[in-house]
Structure formats: structure tokens, C-alpha cells
Amino acid sequence: MKYNSKDLKEMSNAVRALALHAIRTAASGHVGIVLGCAPIITTVYANFLRRGRDKFVLSAGHGSALLYATLKLAGYDVGDLNHFRKVGGLPGHPEYGIDGVDATTGPLGQGVANAVGMALAEKINKTDSRVYCLCSDGDLMEGISAESMAFAGLYKLNNLVVLWADNGVSIDGRALTDVDVSARMVAAGWQVATVQGDDFAQLNRVLNNAKKSAAPVFVQCK
């Protein structure tokens, strides 16, 4: 492990500050995912994502400010966050081609399917690359995510980790993920873990264990 919980907390607060500044400057954007998911994305990038080898997909593409801020602080050349959601600046949803952005996302559920496809491609090419995906309640309310996750479980894509930001809220109100999502993932052939989404020690432990899993790993981040 490169960074301890104290380090990661400071980093995630820096990510929050930069992302919230971008949203305030733009007078547009999604604040909730920035506040809630900064610890998750910070842990992935600081301690697990190998630059140039592994991939990260923000399926919850509306949280682009969170991704851009993380990439900026990690040393990627994403441009000026003061131009977030402005003509000629950083787009409101992540777009492939921006340094560090591995997939264009926005339509909910699509990013999960992209991550599954990437993991399959890495298996076919026999690389040791891993794919990390952060998804929201809204992503799991879409059928495309369930279908692609069933595929990943069937073909044992153990180079794939999906982290679910489980807060029970969508833009329209209460999230409709009121079925037992984790039980469904177990039935689909995934290894499932539940963590507190702002507990860095738990996140580190689960992501370390994921490297040894024989199945894709689904992390419920409360």
C-alpha cells in the first residue's frame, strides 16, 4: 500500500475542493457524487491504478468533475478546470480523448458495459491489466448494467472491479435499487464485498483482496 488512511483522507479532501471549485465556477454540475465518492476514487488512483496499464471507467458520468479533479491532481493533462462545462472547455460528461479518460460515459449503465468489454479485451489479449469502474444507483437501475454484469460473471472476468456508490438516491428521488443487489451479483457469479465508502482501511483491504479473486468483484460502498 502506497498511502495510509491519513494520506488518503487529505488527498480526497483536495479532490473534493478542486471538483467543487470547478462546479461553482461553471454554475453547473453534480455536487453529491463529489462529496460522497471522493474517498473511493482517491483510493483507487492513489494505491491501485497503474498508469498506462490499468483502466478506470466512471459509469456515473454526471460526476465528471470528480474524475477531472482526480486526474488533474494525479498529474494528467486534462486542461483548466476553470473551463469546466464551458464552450471549448472540459465537457459535462467524460469524453474519450481527454488525457486519462478511458471511456466516454453519460447514459446510465453504459459505463458498466464498457468496463466489462474492456476487461474481456484484456483477457483476450492476455494482459495483466485491471479495470476499475465506479457506478451509481442510477447505473444499476438500467438493464444494460445487469446484462453486462451477468456476462462478466459467466466468463469469470476476474480482472474487473465494480464499485457501487450505494446511497439510495437518484436525481429523481429515491433510487429504485430496492431489490437485493448484492444477492443478485452473487447469483451472477461475482465476488461481493460491502464496505463503508469513506473508510479507507476497508477500501484498501477489499481492493487488495480483489487481486486474488477468481471472479469479478463487486464492492457495495455504503
C-alpha atoms as a PDB file:
ATOM      1  CA  MET A   1       0.000   0.000   0.000  1.00  0.00           C
ATOM      2  CA  LYS A   2       1.459   3.360  -1.007  1.00  0.00           C
ATOM      3  CA  TYR A   3      -0.642   5.673   1.174  1.00  0.00           C
ATOM      4  CA  ASN A   4      -2.258   5.274   4.580  1.00  0.00           C
ATOM      5  CA  SER A   5      -5.706   6.426   5.657  1.00  0.00           C
ATOM      6  CA  LYS A   6      -4.477   9.826   6.809  1.00  0.00           C
ATOM      7  CA  ASP A   7      -2.791  10.478   3.468  1.00  0.00           C
ATOM      8  CA  LEU A   8      -5.852   9.325   1.534  1.00  0.00           C
ATOM      9  CA  LYS A   9      -8.214  11.482   3.580  1.00  0.00           C
ATOM     10  CA  GLU A  10      -6.129  14.571   2.811  1.00  0.00           C
ATOM     11  CA  MET A  11      -5.993  13.635  -0.875  1.00  0.00           C
ATOM     12  CA  SER A  12      -9.739  13.038  -1.091  1.00  0.00           C
ATOM     13  CA  ASN A  13     -10.435  16.400   0.524  1.00  0.00           C
ATOM     14  CA  ALA A  14      -8.192  18.030  -2.092  1.00  0.00           C
ATOM     15  CA  VAL A  15     -10.155  16.219  -4.824  1.00  0.00           C
ATOM     16  CA  ARG A  16     -13.414  17.475  -3.305  1.00  0.00           C
ATOM     17  CA  ALA A  17     -12.152  21.051  -3.116  1.00  0.00           C
ATOM     18  CA  LEU A  18     -10.927  21.142  -6.715  1.00  0.00           C
ATOM     19  CA  ALA A  19     -14.064  19.474  -8.105  1.00  0.00           C
ATOM     20  CA  LEU A  20     -16.406  21.730  -6.138  1.00  0.00           C
ATOM     21  CA  HIS A  21     -14.471  24.785  -7.337  1.00  0.00           C
ATOM     22  CA  ALA A  22     -14.968  23.624 -10.940  1.00  0.00           C
ATOM     23  CA  ILE A  23     -18.702  23.135 -10.377  1.00  0.00           C
ATOM     24  CA  ARG A  24     -19.090  26.512  -8.682  1.00  0.00           C
ATOM     25  CA  THR A  25     -17.159  28.261 -11.445  1.00  0.00           C
ATOM     26  CA  ALA A  26     -19.361  26.612 -14.054  1.00  0.00           C
ATOM     27  CA  ALA A  27     -22.535  27.182 -12.008  1.00  0.00           C
ATOM     28  CA  SER A  28     -23.404  23.669 -13.188  1.00  0.00           C
ATOM     29  CA  GLY A  29     -22.622  20.108 -12.171  1.00  0.00           C
ATOM     30  CA  HIS A  30     -23.359  17.369  -9.661  1.00  0.00           C
ATOM     31  CA  VAL A  31     -22.177  18.014  -6.120  1.00  0.00           C
ATOM     32  CA  GLY A  32     -23.413  14.861  -4.388  1.00  0.00           C
ATOM     33  CA  ILE A  33     -21.128  12.393  -6.147  1.00  0.00           C
ATOM     34  CA  VAL A  34     -18.137  14.663  -5.496  1.00  0.00           C
ATOM     35  CA  LEU A  35     -18.810  14.735  -1.769  1.00  0.00           C
ATOM     36  CA  GLY A  36     -19.723  11.070  -1.475  1.00  0.00           C
ATOM     37  CA  CYS A  37     -17.301   9.309  -3.804  1.00  0.00           C
ATOM     38  CA  ALA A  38     -14.040  11.234  -3.427  1.00  0.00           C
ATOM     39  CA  PRO A  39     -12.654   8.660  -0.941  1.00  0.00           C
ATOM     40  CA  ILE A  40     -13.438   5.796  -3.339  1.00  0.00           C
ATOM     41  CA  ILE A  41     -11.839   7.263  -6.456  1.00  0.00           C
ATOM     42  CA  THR A  42      -8.875   8.608  -4.467  1.00  0.00           C
ATOM     43  CA  THR A  43      -8.095   5.159  -3.038  1.00  0.00           C
ATOM     44  CA  VAL A  44      -8.257   3.555  -6.490  1.00  0.00           C
ATOM     45  CA  TYR A  45      -5.963   6.100  -8.128  1.00  0.00           C
ATOM     46  CA  ALA A  46      -3.511   6.537  -5.265  1.00  0.00           C
ATOM     47  CA  ASN A  47      -2.987   2.916  -4.284  1.00  0.00           C
ATOM     48  CA  PHE A  48      -4.141   0.617  -7.077  1.00  0.00           C
ATOM     49  CA  LEU A  49      -4.427   2.070 -10.583  1.00  0.00           C
ATOM     50  CA  ARG A  50      -1.211   1.501 -12.546  1.00  0.00           C
ATOM     51  CA  ARG A  51      -0.905   4.332 -15.025  1.00  0.00           C
ATOM     52  CA  GLY A  52      -0.671   3.096 -18.598  1.00  0.00           C
ATOM     53  CA  ARG A  53      -1.698  -0.450 -17.633  1.00  0.00           C
ATOM     54  CA  ASP A  54      -4.995  -0.352 -15.786  1.00  0.00           C
ATOM     55  CA  LYS A  55      -8.221   1.392 -16.777  1.00  0.00           C
ATOM     56  CA  PHE A  56     -10.835   3.374 -14.881  1.00  0.00           C
ATOM     57  CA  VAL A  57     -14.396   3.949 -16.038  1.00  0.00           C
ATOM     58  CA  LEU A  58     -16.682   6.469 -14.368  1.00  0.00           C
ATOM     59  CA  SER A  59     -20.011   4.931 -15.319  1.00  0.00           C
ATOM     60  CA  ALA A  60     -21.753   7.691 -13.379  1.00  0.00           C
ATOM     61  CA  GLY A  61     -20.570  10.157 -16.000  1.00  0.00           C
ATOM     62  CA  HIS A  62     -22.527  13.032 -14.472  1.00  0.00           C
ATOM     63  CA  GLY A  63     -19.785  13.055 -11.825  1.00  0.00           C
ATOM     64  CA  SER A  64     -17.194  14.196 -14.373  1.00  0.00           C
ATOM     65  CA  ALA A  65     -15.892  16.974 -12.110  1.00  0.00           C
ATOM     66  CA  LEU A  66     -14.837  14.277  -9.636  1.00  0.00           C
ATOM     67  CA  LEU A  67     -12.908  12.419 -12.330  1.00  0.00           C
ATOM     68  CA  TYR A  68     -11.306  15.542 -13.806  1.00  0.00           C
ATOM     69  CA  ALA A  69     -10.170  16.742 -10.380  1.00  0.00           C
ATOM     70  CA  THR A  70      -8.660  13.349  -9.580  1.00  0.00           C
ATOM     71  CA  LEU A  71      -6.850  13.204 -12.917  1.00  0.00           C
ATOM     72  CA  LYS A  72      -5.576  16.769 -12.512  1.00  0.00           C
ATOM     73  CA  LEU A  73      -4.130  16.062  -9.078  1.00  0.00           C
ATOM     74  CA  ALA A  74      -2.663  12.759 -10.307  1.00  0.00           C
ATOM     75  CA  GLY A  75      -0.662  14.610 -12.961  1.00  0.00           C
ATOM     76  CA  TYR A  76      -2.738  14.034 -16.094  1.00  0.00           C
ATOM     77  CA  ASP A  77      -3.009  16.842 -18.641  1.00  0.00           C
ATOM     78  CA  VAL A  78      -6.753  17.452 -18.540  1.00  0.00           C
ATOM     79  CA  GLY A  79      -6.650  21.198 -19.082  1.00  0.00           C
ATOM     80  CA  ASP A  80      -8.102  24.021 -16.994  1.00  0.00           C
ATOM     81  CA  LEU A  81     -10.897  23.053 -14.618  1.00  0.00           C
ATOM     82  CA  ASN A  82     -11.985  26.694 -14.624  1.00  0.00           C
ATOM     83  CA  HIS A  83     -13.339  25.937 -18.119  1.00  0.00           C
ATOM     84  CA  PHE A  84     -15.460  23.006 -16.927  1.00  0.00           C
ATOM     85  CA  ARG A  85     -18.827  22.864 -18.723  1.00  0.00           C
ATOM     86  CA  LYS A  86     -17.956  25.882 -20.869  1.00  0.00           C
ATOM     87  CA  VAL A  87     -17.730  26.077 -24.655  1.00  0.00           C
ATOM     88  CA  GLY A  88     -14.322  24.768 -25.704  1.00  0.00           C
ATOM     89  CA  GLY A  89     -13.557  23.533 -22.192  1.00  0.00           C
ATOM     90  CA  LEU A  90     -13.986  20.280 -20.333  1.00  0.00           C
ATOM     91  CA  PRO A  91     -17.313  18.629 -21.234  1.00  0.00           C
ATOM     92  CA  GLY A  92     -20.022  17.946 -18.687  1.00  0.00           C
ATOM     93  CA  HIS A  93     -19.581  14.181 -19.133  1.00  0.00           C
ATOM     94  CA  PRO A  94     -16.220  12.418 -19.576  1.00  0.00           C
ATOM     95  CA  GLU A  95     -15.120  12.018 -23.185  1.00  0.00           C
ATOM     96  CA  TYR A  96     -12.518   9.589 -24.512  1.00  0.00           C
ATOM     97  CA  GLY A  97      -9.508  11.509 -25.792  1.00  0.00           C
ATOM     98  CA  ILE A  98      -9.089  13.663 -22.691  1.00  0.00           C
ATOM     99  CA  ASP A  99      -5.861  12.572 -21.023  1.00  0.00           C
ATOM    100  CA  GLY A 100      -6.672   9.781 -18.567  1.00  0.00           C
ATOM    101  CA  VAL A 101     -10.301   9.308 -19.630  1.00  0.00           C
ATOM    102  CA  ASP A 102     -10.647   5.692 -20.766  1.00  0.00           C
ATOM    103  CA  ALA A 103     -14.309   5.796 -21.835  1.00  0.00           C
ATOM    104  CA  THR A 104     -16.964   8.292 -22.870  1.00  0.00           C
ATOM    105  CA  THR A 105     -19.816   7.940 -20.391  1.00  0.00           C
ATOM    106  CA  GLY A 106     -23.072   9.625 -19.540  1.00  0.00           C
ATOM    107  CA  PRO A 107     -26.040   7.377 -20.381  1.00  0.00           C
ATOM    108  CA  LEU A 108     -26.507   5.456 -17.147  1.00  0.00           C
ATOM    109  CA  GLY A 109     -25.396   1.824 -17.236  1.00  0.00           C
ATOM    110  CA  GLN A 110     -23.322   2.297 -20.374  1.00  0.00           C
ATOM    111  CA  GLY A 111     -20.066   2.706 -18.480  1.00  0.00           C
ATOM    112  CA  VAL A 112     -20.565  -0.583 -16.645  1.00  0.00           C
ATOM    113  CA  ALA A 113     -20.963  -2.322 -20.003  1.00  0.00           C
ATOM    114  CA  ASN A 114     -17.874  -0.531 -21.345  1.00  0.00           C
ATOM    115  CA  ALA A 115     -15.866  -1.730 -18.342  1.00  0.00           C
ATOM    116  CA  VAL A 116     -16.996  -5.316 -18.922  1.00  0.00           C
ATOM    117  CA  GLY A 117     -15.953  -5.060 -22.575  1.00  0.00           C
ATOM    118  CA  MET A 118     -12.560  -3.660 -21.610  1.00  0.00           C
ATOM    119  CA  ALA A 119     -11.997  -6.459 -19.105  1.00  0.00           C
ATOM    120  CA  LEU A 120     -12.908  -9.034 -21.751  1.00  0.00           C
ATOM    121  CA  ALA A 121     -10.492  -7.429 -24.237  1.00  0.00           C
ATOM    122  CA  GLU A 122      -7.660  -7.579 -21.703  1.00  0.00           C
ATOM    123  CA  LYS A 123      -8.412 -11.261 -21.104  1.00  0.00           C
ATOM    124  CA  ILE A 124      -8.385 -11.988 -24.838  1.00  0.00           C
ATOM    125  CA  ASN A 125      -5.089 -10.126 -25.196  1.00  0.00           C
ATOM    126  CA  LYS A 126      -3.690 -11.994 -22.168  1.00  0.00           C
ATOM    127  CA  THR A 127      -2.520  -8.861 -20.340  1.00  0.00           C
ATOM    128  CA  ASP A 128      -2.355  -8.326 -16.594  1.00  0.00           C
ATOM    129  CA  SER A 129      -4.344  -5.086 -16.827  1.00  0.00           C
ATOM    130  CA  ARG A 130      -7.193  -4.489 -14.411  1.00  0.00           C
ATOM    131  CA  VAL A 131     -10.367  -2.469 -14.964  1.00  0.00           C
ATOM    132  CA  TYR A 132     -11.964  -0.412 -12.207  1.00  0.00           C
ATOM    133  CA  CYS A 133     -15.455   1.023 -12.568  1.00  0.00           C
ATOM    134  CA  LEU A 134     -17.359   3.398 -10.295  1.00  0.00           C
ATOM    135  CA  CYS A 135     -21.130   3.225 -10.702  1.00  0.00           C
ATOM    136  CA  SER A 136     -24.120   4.878  -9.078  1.00  0.00           C
ATOM    137  CA  ASP A 137     -27.591   3.762  -8.057  1.00  0.00           C
ATOM    138  CA  GLY A 138     -28.844   5.145 -11.367  1.00  0.00           C
ATOM    139  CA  ASP A 139     -26.460   2.887 -13.309  1.00  0.00           C
ATOM    140  CA  LEU A 140     -27.857  -0.187 -11.592  1.00  0.00           C
ATOM    141  CA  MET A 141     -31.428   0.878 -12.382  1.00  0.00           C
ATOM    142  CA  GLU A 142     -30.668   0.299 -16.092  1.00  0.00           C
ATOM    143  CA  GLY A 143     -30.996  -3.107 -17.735  1.00  0.00           C
ATOM    144  CA  ILE A 144     -27.746  -2.792 -19.673  1.00  0.00           C
ATOM    145  CA  SER A 145     -25.756  -2.965 -16.438  1.00  0.00           C
ATOM    146  CA  ALA A 146     -27.484  -6.180 -15.302  1.00  0.00           C
ATOM    147  CA  GLU A 147     -26.967  -7.853 -18.661  1.00  0.00           C
ATOM    148  CA  SER A 148     -23.289  -6.917 -18.922  1.00  0.00           C
ATOM    149  CA  MET A 149     -22.609  -7.918 -15.320  1.00  0.00           C
ATOM    150  CA  ALA A 150     -24.201 -11.320 -15.952  1.00  0.00           C
ATOM    151  CA  PHE A 151     -21.821 -11.705 -18.898  1.00  0.00           C
ATOM    152  CA  ALA A 152     -18.805 -10.782 -16.739  1.00  0.00           C
ATOM    153  CA  GLY A 153     -19.771 -13.346 -14.110  1.00  0.00           C
ATOM    154  CA  LEU A 154     -20.363 -16.076 -16.673  1.00  0.00           C
ATOM    155  CA  TYR A 155     -16.929 -15.564 -18.234  1.00  0.00           C
ATOM    156  CA  LYS A 156     -15.165 -15.049 -14.895  1.00  0.00           C
ATOM    157  CA  LEU A 157     -13.642 -11.668 -15.713  1.00  0.00           C
ATOM    158  CA  ASN A 158     -11.631 -11.510 -12.510  1.00  0.00           C
ATOM    159  CA  ASN A 159      -9.676  -8.510 -13.767  1.00  0.00           C
ATOM    160  CA  LEU A 160     -12.775  -6.342 -13.223  1.00  0.00           C
ATOM    161  CA  VAL A 161     -13.787  -4.443 -10.073  1.00  0.00           C
ATOM    162  CA  VAL A 162     -17.054  -2.507  -9.940  1.00  0.00           C
ATOM    163  CA  LEU A 163     -17.549  -0.144  -7.010  1.00  0.00           C
ATOM    164  CA  TRP A 164     -21.165   0.784  -6.319  1.00  0.00           C
ATOM    165  CA  ALA A 165     -21.820   4.118  -4.583  1.00  0.00           C
ATOM    166  CA  ASP A 166     -24.847   2.882  -2.640  1.00  0.00           C
ATOM    167  CA  ASN A 167     -26.567   5.919  -1.154  1.00  0.00           C
ATOM    168  CA  GLY A 168     -30.147   5.169  -2.148  1.00  0.00           C
ATOM    169  CA  VAL A 169     -30.624   8.450  -4.011  1.00  0.00           C
ATOM    170  CA  SER A 170     -31.009   9.331  -7.676  1.00  0.00           C
ATOM    171  CA  ILE A 171     -31.675  12.667  -9.358  1.00  0.00           C
ATOM    172  CA  ASP A 172     -35.406  11.849  -9.335  1.00  0.00           C
ATOM    173  CA  GLY A 173     -35.510  10.961  -5.644  1.00  0.00           C
ATOM    174  CA  ARG A 174     -35.323   7.536  -4.016  1.00  0.00           C
ATOM    175  CA  ALA A 175     -33.257   5.095  -6.045  1.00  0.00           C
ATOM    176  CA  LEU A 176     -35.169   2.099  -7.357  1.00  0.00           C
ATOM    177  CA  THR A 177     -32.446  -0.391  -6.458  1.00  0.00           C
ATOM    178  CA  ASP A 178     -34.634  -1.780  -3.688  1.00  0.00           C
ATOM    179  CA  VAL A 179     -34.034  -5.402  -4.694  1.00  0.00           C
ATOM    180  CA  ASP A 180     -31.132  -7.185  -3.038  1.00  0.00           C
ATOM    181  CA  VAL A 181     -28.448  -6.053  -5.463  1.00  0.00           C
ATOM    182  CA  SER A 182     -25.627  -7.905  -3.719  1.00  0.00           C
ATOM    183  CA  ALA A 183     -27.563 -11.198  -3.757  1.00  0.00           C
ATOM    184  CA  ARG A 184     -28.206 -10.702  -7.465  1.00  0.00           C
ATOM    185  CA  MET A 185     -24.475 -10.176  -8.056  1.00  0.00           C
ATOM    186  CA  VAL A 186     -23.593 -13.336  -6.142  1.00  0.00           C
ATOM    187  CA  ALA A 187     -26.111 -15.221  -8.276  1.00  0.00           C
ATOM    188  CA  ALA A 188     -24.443 -13.768 -11.383  1.00  0.00           C
ATOM    189  CA  GLY A 189     -21.089 -15.235 -10.340  1.00  0.00           C
ATOM    190  CA  TRP A 190     -19.434 -12.218  -8.740  1.00  0.00           C
ATOM    191  CA  GLN A 191     -17.493 -11.996  -5.510  1.00  0.00           C
ATOM    192  CA  VAL A 192     -19.265  -9.388  -3.370  1.00  0.00           C
ATOM    193  CA  ALA A 193     -17.961  -7.236  -0.533  1.00  0.00           C
ATOM    194  CA  THR A 194     -19.583  -4.437   1.463  1.00  0.00           C
ATOM    195  CA  VAL A 195     -17.606  -1.514   2.877  1.00  0.00           C
ATOM    196  CA  GLN A 196     -18.214   1.897   4.351  1.00  0.00           C
ATOM    197  CA  GLY A 197     -17.458   4.156   1.390  1.00  0.00           C
ATOM    198  CA  ASP A 198     -15.370   6.621   3.388  1.00  0.00           C
ATOM    199  CA  ASP A 199     -13.390   4.013   5.326  1.00  0.00           C
ATOM    200  CA  PHE A 200     -10.006   3.930   3.626  1.00  0.00           C
ATOM    201  CA  ALA A 201      -8.781   0.862   5.518  1.00  0.00           C
ATOM    202  CA  GLN A 202     -11.814  -1.139   4.362  1.00  0.00           C
ATOM    203  CA  LEU A 203     -11.447   0.072   0.772  1.00  0.00           C
ATOM    204  CA  ASN A 204      -7.752  -0.826   0.720  1.00  0.00           C
ATOM    205  CA  ARG A 205      -8.393  -4.283   2.135  1.00  0.00           C
ATOM    206  CA  VAL A 206     -11.165  -5.124  -0.327  1.00  0.00           C
ATOM    207  CA  LEU A 207      -9.232  -3.841  -3.355  1.00  0.00           C
ATOM    208  CA  ASN A 208      -6.148  -5.795  -2.286  1.00  0.00           C
ATOM    209  CA  ASN A 209      -8.224  -8.948  -1.912  1.00  0.00           C
ATOM    210  CA  ALA A 210      -9.766  -8.362  -5.346  1.00  0.00           C
ATOM    211  CA  LYS A 211      -6.405  -9.084  -6.940  1.00  0.00           C
ATOM    212  CA  LYS A 212      -6.683 -12.686  -5.729  1.00  0.00           C
ATOM    213  CA  SER A 213     -10.298 -13.292  -6.706  1.00  0.00           C
ATOM    214  CA  ALA A 214     -11.241 -15.928  -9.287  1.00  0.00           C
ATOM    215  CA  ALA A 215     -14.352 -13.924 -10.182  1.00  0.00           C
ATOM    216  CA  PRO A 216     -15.158 -10.278 -10.944  1.00  0.00           C
ATOM    217  CA  VAL A 217     -15.507  -8.260  -7.750  1.00  0.00           C
ATOM    218  CA  PHE A 218     -18.496  -6.091  -6.817  1.00  0.00           C
ATOM    219  CA  VAL A 219     -17.960  -3.666  -3.935  1.00  0.00           C
ATOM    220  CA  GLN A 220     -21.010  -2.162  -2.257  1.00  0.00           C
ATOM    221  CA  CYS A 221     -19.824   1.170  -0.852  1.00  0.00           C
ATOM    222  CA  LYS A 222     -22.348   2.365   1.708  1.00  0.00           C
END
